[in-house]
Structure formats: structure tokens, C-alpha cells
Amino acid sequence: DACTEVPQGRWLVDPDEAFDSRPAQPDRVCSK
């Protein structure tokens, strides 16, 4: 399985700030 966490600097926002483990939260991702 070649999937990984998002590379550093790839997103315009910090991945940790975008992350929310709860499903379908507005403007959030449930996986990095």
C-alpha cells in the first residue's frame, strides 16, 4: 500500500488544522 500522509507544504492550510475525525464537518477532512 503506497498511500501516505499528505506531504509537507502540499496544502494551502496546515493539515492538522484541516483535520476533524468526525464525519462530514464543514471545511474539514476526515483523513490526512
PDB file of all heavy atoms in Angstrom:
ATOM      1  N   ASP A   1       0.866  -1.166   0.000  1.00  0.00           N
ATOM      2  CA  ASP A   1       0.000   0.000   0.000  1.00  0.00           C
ATOM      3  C   ASP A   1       0.910   1.225   0.000  1.00  0.00           C
ATOM      4  O   ASP A   1       1.646   1.464   0.956  1.00  0.00           O
ATOM      5  CB  ASP A   1      -0.890  -0.027   1.247  1.00  0.00           C
ATOM      6  CG  ASP A   1      -1.689   1.262   1.446  1.00  0.00           C
ATOM      7  OD1 ASP A   1      -1.664   2.120   0.551  1.00  0.00           O
ATOM      8  OD2 ASP A   1      -2.328   1.395   2.502  1.00  0.00           O
ATOM      9  N   ALA A   2       0.854   2.020  -1.078  1.00  0.00           N
ATOM     10  CA  ALA A   2       1.763   3.155  -1.232  1.00  0.00           C
ATOM     11  C   ALA A   2       1.160   4.466  -0.726  1.00  0.00           C
ATOM     12  O   ALA A   2       1.764   5.529  -0.907  1.00  0.00           O
ATOM     13  CB  ALA A   2       2.162   3.300  -2.702  1.00  0.00           C
ATOM     14  N   CYS A   3      -0.002   4.424  -0.103  1.00  0.00           N
ATOM     15  CA  CYS A   3      -0.627   5.641   0.387  1.00  0.00           C
ATOM     16  C   CYS A   3       0.092   6.147   1.647  1.00  0.00           C
ATOM     17  O   CYS A   3       0.578   5.361   2.456  1.00  0.00           O
ATOM     18  CB  CYS A   3      -2.108   5.398   0.681  1.00  0.00           C
ATOM     19  SG  CYS A   3      -3.047   4.967  -0.809  1.00  0.00           S
ATOM     20  N   THR A   4       0.166   7.468   1.775  1.00  0.00           N
ATOM     21  CA  THR A   4       0.902   8.101   2.870  1.00  0.00           C
ATOM     22  C   THR A   4       0.119   9.314   3.374  1.00  0.00           C
ATOM     23  O   THR A   4      -0.917   9.684   2.820  1.00  0.00           O
ATOM     24  CB  THR A   4       2.283   8.587   2.390  1.00  0.00           C
ATOM     25  OG1 THR A   4       2.092   9.593   1.378  1.00  0.00           O
ATOM     26  CG2 THR A   4       3.112   7.436   1.827  1.00  0.00           C
ATOM     27  N   GLU A   5       0.660   9.948   4.407  1.00  0.00           N
ATOM     28  CA  GLU A   5       0.102  11.229   4.833  1.00  0.00           C
ATOM     29  C   GLU A   5       0.481  12.313   3.824  1.00  0.00           C
ATOM     30  O   GLU A   5       1.464  12.187   3.087  1.00  0.00           O
ATOM     31  CB  GLU A   5       0.601  11.598   6.225  1.00  0.00           C
ATOM     32  CG  GLU A   5       0.010  10.733   7.330  1.00  0.00           C
ATOM     33  CD  GLU A   5      -0.331  11.542   8.578  1.00  0.00           C
ATOM     34  OE1 GLU A   5       0.133  12.686   8.692  1.00  0.00           O
ATOM     35  OE2 GLU A   5      -1.061  11.009   9.439  1.00  0.00           O
ATOM     36  N   VAL A   6      -0.306  13.373   3.765  1.00  0.00           N
ATOM     37  CA  VAL A   6      -0.085  14.441   2.802  1.00  0.00           C
ATOM     38  C   VAL A   6       1.322  15.021   2.987  1.00  0.00           C
ATOM     39  O   VAL A   6       1.749  15.284   4.113  1.00  0.00           O
ATOM     40  CB  VAL A   6      -1.154  15.543   2.956  1.00  0.00           C
ATOM     41  CG1 VAL A   6      -1.201  16.104   4.358  1.00  0.00           C
ATOM     42  CG2 VAL A   6      -0.931  16.655   1.943  1.00  0.00           C
ATOM     43  N   PRO A   7       2.088  15.197   1.907  1.00  0.00           N
ATOM     44  CA  PRO A   7       3.442  15.747   2.013  1.00  0.00           C
ATOM     45  C   PRO A   7       3.436  17.156   2.600  1.00  0.00           C
ATOM     46  O   PRO A   7       2.481  17.925   2.426  1.00  0.00           O
ATOM     47  CB  PRO A   7       3.938  15.760   0.557  1.00  0.00           C
ATOM     48  CG  PRO A   7       3.103  14.743  -0.144  1.00  0.00           C
ATOM     49  CD  PRO A   7       1.768  14.794   0.519  1.00  0.00           C
ATOM     50  N   GLN A   8       4.491  17.486   3.281  1.00  0.00           N
ATOM     51  CA  GLN A   8       4.635  18.795   3.896  1.00  0.00           C
ATOM     52  C   GLN A   8       4.542  19.899   2.854  1.00  0.00           C
ATOM     53  O   GLN A   8       5.166  19.831   1.795  1.00  0.00           O
ATOM     54  CB  GLN A   8       5.994  18.881   4.613  1.00  0.00           C
ATOM     55  CG  GLN A   8       6.202  20.133   5.440  1.00  0.00           C
ATOM     56  CD  GLN A   8       5.349  20.151   6.688  1.00  0.00           C
ATOM     57  OE1 GLN A   8       5.000  19.099   7.211  1.00  0.00           O
ATOM     58  NE2 GLN A   8       5.023  21.336   7.164  1.00  0.00           N
ATOM     59  N   GLY A   9       3.729  20.916   3.134  1.00  0.00           N
ATOM     60  CA  GLY A   9       3.617  22.057   2.258  1.00  0.00           C
ATOM     61  C   GLY A   9       2.706  21.877   1.063  1.00  0.00           C
ATOM     62  O   GLY A   9       2.564  22.801   0.248  1.00  0.00           O
ATOM     63  N   ARG A  10       2.063  20.721   0.924  1.00  0.00           N
ATOM     64  CA  ARG A  10       1.223  20.466  -0.251  1.00  0.00           C
ATOM     65  C   ARG A  10      -0.081  21.268  -0.205  1.00  0.00           C
ATOM     66  O   ARG A  10      -0.555  21.747  -1.229  1.00  0.00           O
ATOM     67  CB  ARG A  10       0.923  18.970  -0.348  1.00  0.00           C
ATOM     68  CG  ARG A  10      -0.039  18.593  -1.459  1.00  0.00           C
ATOM     69  CD  ARG A  10       0.536  18.870  -2.840  1.00  0.00           C
ATOM     70  NE  ARG A  10       1.554  17.926  -3.203  1.00  0.00           N
ATOM     71  CZ  ARG A  10       1.316  16.734  -3.743  1.00  0.00           C
ATOM     72  NH1 ARG A  10       0.065  16.350  -3.967  1.00  0.00           N
ATOM     73  NH2 ARG A  10       2.309  15.936  -4.057  1.00  0.00           N
ATOM     74  N   TRP A  11      -0.693  21.388   0.974  1.00  0.00           N
ATOM     75  CA  TRP A  11      -1.967  22.090   1.077  1.00  0.00           C
ATOM     76  C   TRP A  11      -1.761  23.550   1.444  1.00  0.00           C
ATOM     77  O   TRP A  11      -0.761  23.911   2.078  1.00  0.00           O
ATOM     78  CB  TRP A  11      -2.863  21.414   2.117  1.00  0.00           C
ATOM     79  CG  TRP A  11      -3.343  20.051   1.703  1.00  0.00           C
ATOM     80  CD1 TRP A  11      -3.223  19.477   0.472  1.00  0.00           C
ATOM     81  CD2 TRP A  11      -4.010  19.098   2.531  1.00  0.00           C
ATOM     82  NE1 TRP A  11      -3.776  18.218   0.474  1.00  0.00           N
ATOM     83  CE2 TRP A  11      -4.273  17.959   1.720  1.00  0.00           C
ATOM     84  CE3 TRP A  11      -4.423  19.088   3.854  1.00  0.00           C
ATOM     85  CZ2 TRP A  11      -4.921  16.841   2.209  1.00  0.00           C
ATOM     86  CZ3 TRP A  11      -5.079  17.964   4.347  1.00  0.00           C
ATOM     87  CH2 TRP A  11      -5.327  16.847   3.533  1.00  0.00           C
ATOM     88  N   LEU A  12      -2.730  24.390   1.085  1.00  0.00           N
ATOM     89  CA  LEU A  12      -2.672  25.805   1.416  1.00  0.00           C
ATOM     90  C   LEU A  12      -2.921  26.064   2.901  1.00  0.00           C
ATOM     91  O   LEU A  12      -2.674  27.162   3.386  1.00  0.00           O
ATOM     92  CB  LEU A  12      -3.710  26.579   0.581  1.00  0.00           C
ATOM     93  CG  LEU A  12      -3.399  26.734  -0.909  1.00  0.00           C
ATOM     94  CD1 LEU A  12      -4.568  27.355  -1.645  1.00  0.00           C
ATOM     95  CD2 LEU A  12      -2.140  27.557  -1.115  1.00  0.00           C
ATOM     96  N   VAL A  13      -3.431  25.044   3.595  1.00  0.00           N
ATOM     97  CA  VAL A  13      -3.634  25.155   5.043  1.00  0.00           C
ATOM     98  C   VAL A  13      -2.886  24.010   5.719  1.00  0.00           C
ATOM     99  O   VAL A  13      -2.548  23.000   5.094  1.00  0.00           O
ATOM    100  CB  VAL A  13      -5.128  25.087   5.416  1.00  0.00           C
ATOM    101  CG1 VAL A  13      -5.887  26.239   4.783  1.00  0.00           C
ATOM    102  CG2 VAL A  13      -5.745  23.754   4.996  1.00  0.00           C
ATOM    103  N   ASP A  14      -2.631  24.166   6.998  1.00  0.00           N
ATOM    104  CA  ASP A  14      -1.963  23.123   7.770  1.00  0.00           C
ATOM    105  C   ASP A  14      -2.876  21.899   7.858  1.00  0.00           C
ATOM    106  O   ASP A  14      -4.042  22.018   8.253  1.00  0.00           O
ATOM    107  CB  ASP A  14      -1.658  23.646   9.182  1.00  0.00           C
ATOM    108  CG  ASP A  14      -0.798  22.684   9.978  1.00  0.00           C
ATOM    109  OD1 ASP A  14      -1.179  21.497  10.086  1.00  0.00           O
ATOM    110  OD2 ASP A  14       0.239  23.117  10.513  1.00  0.00           O
ATOM    111  N   PRO A  15      -2.392  20.714   7.477  1.00  0.00           N
ATOM    112  CA  PRO A  15      -3.236  19.514   7.526  1.00  0.00           C
ATOM    113  C   PRO A  15      -3.841  19.254   8.901  1.00  0.00           C
ATOM    114  O   PRO A  15      -4.986  18.788   9.003  1.00  0.00           O
ATOM    115  CB  PRO A  15      -2.269  18.386   7.116  1.00  0.00           C
ATOM    116  CG  PRO A  15      -1.257  19.068   6.264  1.00  0.00           C
ATOM    117  CD  PRO A  15      -1.081  20.422   6.870  1.00  0.00           C
ATOM    118  N   ASP A  16      -3.099  19.549   9.956  1.00  0.00           N
ATOM    119  CA  ASP A  16      -3.631  19.328  11.298  1.00  0.00           C
ATOM    120  C   ASP A  16      -4.816  20.244  11.591  1.00  0.00           C
ATOM    121  O   ASP A  16      -5.763  19.858  12.275  1.00  0.00           O
ATOM    122  CB  ASP A  16      -2.536  19.540  12.346  1.00  0.00           C
ATOM    123  CG  ASP A  16      -1.479  18.448  12.299  1.00  0.00           C
ATOM    124  OD1 ASP A  16      -1.815  17.321  11.877  1.00  0.00           O
ATOM    125  OD2 ASP A  16      -0.320  18.726  12.654  1.00  0.00           O
ATOM    126  N   GLU A  17      -4.760  21.461  11.039  1.00  0.00           N
ATOM    127  CA  GLU A  17      -5.873  22.386  11.239  1.00  0.00           C
ATOM    128  C   GLU A  17      -7.088  21.973  10.409  1.00  0.00           C
ATOM    129  O   GLU A  17      -8.233  22.225  10.797  1.00  0.00           O
ATOM    130  CB  GLU A  17      -5.450  23.803  10.865  1.00  0.00           C
ATOM    131  CG  GLU A  17      -4.405  24.411  11.794  1.00  0.00           C
ATOM    132  CD  GLU A  17      -4.050  25.822  11.394  1.00  0.00           C
ATOM    133  OE1 GLU A  17      -4.752  26.399  10.522  1.00  0.00           O
ATOM    134  OE2 GLU A  17      -3.087  26.366  11.953  1.00  0.00           O
ATOM    135  N   ALA A  18      -6.846  21.343   9.264  1.00  0.00           N
ATOM    136  CA  ALA A  18      -7.949  20.923   8.398  1.00  0.00           C
ATOM    137  C   ALA A  18      -8.597  19.628   8.870  1.00  0.00           C
ATOM    138  O   ALA A  18      -9.723  19.317   8.482  1.00  0.00           O
ATOM    139  CB  ALA A  18      -7.444  20.743   6.962  1.00  0.00           C
ATOM    140  N   PHE A  19      -7.928  18.884   9.716  1.00  0.00           N
ATOM    141  CA  PHE A  19      -8.391  17.545  10.095  1.00  0.00           C
ATOM    142  C   PHE A  19      -9.464  17.587  11.176  1.00  0.00           C
ATOM    143  O   PHE A  19      -9.373  18.357  12.138  1.00  0.00           O
ATOM    144  CB  PHE A  19      -7.212  16.705  10.591  1.00  0.00           C
ATOM    145  CG  PHE A  19      -7.605  15.342  11.110  1.00  0.00           C
ATOM    146  CD1 PHE A  19      -7.979  14.342  10.223  1.00  0.00           C
ATOM    147  CD2 PHE A  19      -7.631  15.083  12.468  1.00  0.00           C
ATOM    148  CE1 PHE A  19      -8.354  13.097  10.684  1.00  0.00           C
ATOM    149  CE2 PHE A  19      -7.993  13.832  12.936  1.00  0.00           C
ATOM    150  CZ  PHE A  19      -8.351  12.840  12.047  1.00  0.00           C
ATOM    151  N   ASP A  20     -10.478  16.748  10.996  1.00  0.00           N
ATOM    152  CA  ASP A  20     -11.503  16.519  12.015  1.00  0.00           C
ATOM    153  C   ASP A  20     -12.005  15.101  11.823  1.00  0.00           C
ATOM    154  O   ASP A  20     -12.511  14.763  10.748  1.00  0.00           O
ATOM    155  CB  ASP A  20     -12.649  17.522  11.877  1.00  0.00           C
ATOM    156  CG  ASP A  20     -13.576  17.518  13.096  1.00  0.00           C
ATOM    157  OD1 ASP A  20     -13.851  16.423  13.629  1.00  0.00           O
ATOM    158  OD2 ASP A  20     -14.021  18.608  13.511  1.00  0.00           O
ATOM    159  N   SER A  21     -11.840  14.274  12.818  1.00  0.00           N
ATOM    160  CA  SER A  21     -12.195  12.856  12.678  1.00  0.00           C
ATOM    161  C   SER A  21     -13.703  12.631  12.591  1.00  0.00           C
ATOM    162  O   SER A  21     -14.145  11.569  12.151  1.00  0.00           O
ATOM    163  CB  SER A  21     -11.633  12.066  13.864  1.00  0.00           C
ATOM    164  OG  SER A  21     -12.190  12.535  15.086  1.00  0.00           O
ATOM    165  N   ARG A  22     -14.496  13.622  12.954  1.00  0.00           N
ATOM    166  CA  ARG A  22     -15.948  13.484  12.843  1.00  0.00           C
ATOM    167  C   ARG A  22     -16.355  13.543  11.375  1.00  0.00           C
ATOM    168  O   ARG A  22     -15.749  14.269  10.587  1.00  0.00           O
ATOM    169  CB  ARG A  22     -16.652  14.586  13.634  1.00  0.00           C
ATOM    170  CG  ARG A  22     -16.410  14.523  15.137  1.00  0.00           C
ATOM    171  CD  ARG A  22     -17.002  15.748  15.820  1.00  0.00           C
ATOM    172  NE  ARG A  22     -16.363  16.981  15.339  1.00  0.00           N
ATOM    173  CZ  ARG A  22     -16.788  18.206  15.655  1.00  0.00           C
ATOM    174  NH1 ARG A  22     -17.843  18.358  16.441  1.00  0.00           N
ATOM    175  NH2 ARG A  22     -16.158  19.268  15.189  1.00  0.00           N
ATOM    176  N   PRO A  23     -17.374  12.795  10.972  1.00  0.00           N
ATOM    177  CA  PRO A  23     -17.738  12.745   9.549  1.00  0.00           C
ATOM    178  C   PRO A  23     -18.344  14.046   9.040  1.00  0.00           C
ATOM    179  O   PRO A  23     -19.137  14.700   9.736  1.00  0.00           O
ATOM    180  CB  PRO A  23     -18.751  11.599   9.486  1.00  0.00           C
ATOM    181  CG  PRO A  23     -19.334  11.521  10.867  1.00  0.00           C
ATOM    182  CD  PRO A  23     -18.197  11.896  11.790  1.00  0.00           C
ATOM    183  N   ALA A  24     -17.934  14.424   7.824  1.00  0.00           N
ATOM    184  CA  ALA A  24     -18.565  15.496   7.044  1.00  0.00           C
ATOM    185  C   ALA A  24     -18.669  16.821   7.778  1.00  0.00           C
ATOM    186  O   ALA A  24     -19.683  17.512   7.701  1.00  0.00           O
ATOM    187  CB  ALA A  24     -19.946  15.050   6.562  1.00  0.00           C
ATOM    188  N   GLN A  25     -17.613  17.207   8.500  1.00  0.00           N
ATOM    189  CA  GLN A  25     -17.604  18.521   9.131  1.00  0.00           C
ATOM    190  C   GLN A  25     -17.255  19.593   8.093  1.00  0.00           C
ATOM    191  O   GLN A  25     -16.366  19.390   7.268  1.00  0.00           O
ATOM    192  CB  GLN A  25     -16.589  18.553  10.270  1.00  0.00           C
ATOM    193  CG  GLN A  25     -16.946  17.638  11.435  1.00  0.00           C
ATOM    194  CD  GLN A  25     -18.301  17.975  12.031  1.00  0.00           C
ATOM    195  OE1 GLN A  25     -18.517  19.078  12.507  1.00  0.00           O
ATOM    196  NE2 GLN A  25     -19.218  17.013  11.987  1.00  0.00           N
ATOM    197  N   PRO A  26     -17.955  20.732   8.106  1.00  0.00           N
ATOM    198  CA  PRO A  26     -17.708  21.765   7.087  1.00  0.00           C
ATOM    199  C   PRO A  26     -16.245  22.204   7.058  1.00  0.00           C
ATOM    200  O   PRO A  26     -15.623  22.440   8.092  1.00  0.00           O
ATOM    201  CB  PRO A  26     -18.623  22.913   7.535  1.00  0.00           C
ATOM    202  CG  PRO A  26     -19.684  22.256   8.358  1.00  0.00           C
ATOM    203  CD  PRO A  26     -19.015  21.107   9.047  1.00  0.00           C
ATOM    204  N   ASP A  27     -15.696  22.280   5.842  1.00  0.00           N
ATOM    205  CA  ASP A  27     -14.328  22.766   5.624  1.00  0.00           C
ATOM    206  C   ASP A  27     -13.282  21.953   6.373  1.00  0.00           C
ATOM    207  O   ASP A  27     -12.243  22.485   6.784  1.00  0.00           O
ATOM    208  CB  ASP A  27     -14.212  24.243   6.021  1.00  0.00           C
ATOM    209  CG  ASP A  27     -15.123  25.134   5.201  1.00  0.00           C
ATOM    210  OD1 ASP A  27     -15.308  24.846   3.998  1.00  0.00           O
ATOM    211  OD2 ASP A  27     -15.670  26.104   5.760  1.00  0.00           O
ATOM    212  N   ARG A  28     -13.547  20.677   6.548  1.00  0.00           N
ATOM    213  CA  ARG A  28     -12.608  19.799   7.240  1.00  0.00           C
ATOM    214  C   ARG A  28     -12.431  18.501   6.446  1.00  0.00           C
ATOM    215  O   ARG A  28     -13.276  18.130   5.632  1.00  0.00           O
ATOM    216  CB  ARG A  28     -13.095  19.457   8.662  1.00  0.00           C
ATOM    217  CG  ARG A  28     -13.152  20.645   9.603  1.00  0.00           C
ATOM    218  CD  ARG A  28     -11.745  21.148   9.932  1.00  0.00           C
ATOM    219  NE  ARG A  28     -11.750  22.242  10.896  1.00  0.00           N
ATOM    220  CZ  ARG A  28     -11.793  23.524  10.565  1.00  0.00           C
ATOM    221  NH1 ARG A  28     -11.862  23.879   9.284  1.00  0.00           N
ATOM    222  NH2 ARG A  28     -11.786  24.463  11.503  1.00  0.00           N
ATOM    223  N   VAL A  29     -11.319  17.811   6.686  1.00  0.00           N
ATOM    224  CA  VAL A  29     -11.061  16.494   6.095  1.00  0.00           C
ATOM    225  C   VAL A  29     -11.045  15.460   7.208  1.00  0.00           C
ATOM    226  O   VAL A  29     -10.587  15.745   8.319  1.00  0.00           O
ATOM    227  CB  VAL A  29      -9.724  16.473   5.320  1.00  0.00           C
ATOM    228  CG1 VAL A  29      -9.724  17.515   4.210  1.00  0.00           C
ATOM    229  CG2 VAL A  29      -8.542  16.695   6.250  1.00  0.00           C
ATOM    230  N   CYS A  30     -11.557  14.261   6.915  1.00  0.00           N
ATOM    231  CA  CYS A  30     -11.592  13.222   7.944  1.00  0.00           C
ATOM    232  C   CYS A  30     -10.354  12.331   7.893  1.00  0.00           C
ATOM    233  O   CYS A  30     -10.216  11.409   8.695  1.00  0.00           O
ATOM    234  CB  CYS A  30     -12.856  12.383   7.828  1.00  0.00           C
ATOM    235  SG  CYS A  30     -12.954  11.370   6.333  1.00  0.00           S
ATOM    236  N   SER A  31      -9.463  12.596   6.927  1.00  0.00           N
ATOM    237  CA  SER A  31      -8.220  11.830   6.832  1.00  0.00           C
ATOM    238  C   SER A  31      -7.158  12.694   6.166  1.00  0.00           C
ATOM    239  O   SER A  31      -7.467  13.473   5.253  1.00  0.00           O
ATOM    240  CB  SER A  31      -8.422  10.550   6.022  1.00  0.00           C
ATOM    241  OG  SER A  31      -7.184   9.912   5.748  1.00  0.00           O
ATOM    242  N   LYS A  32      -5.933  12.536   6.625  1.00  0.00           N
ATOM    243  CA  LYS A  32      -4.809  13.250   6.001  1.00  0.00           C
ATOM    244  C   LYS A  32      -4.016  12.330   5.078  1.00  0.00           C
ATOM    245  O   LYS A  32      -2.984  12.735   4.536  1.00  0.00           O
ATOM    246  CB  LYS A  32      -3.887  13.815   7.095  1.00  0.00           C
ATOM    247  CG  LYS A  32      -4.530  14.884   7.957  1.00  0.00           C
ATOM    248  CD  LYS A  32      -3.589  15.383   9.052  1.00  0.00           C
ATOM    249  CE  LYS A  32      -3.427  14.355  10.156  1.00  0.00           C
ATOM    250  NZ  LYS A  32      -2.584  14.848  11.270  1.00  0.00           N
TER     251      LYS A  32
END
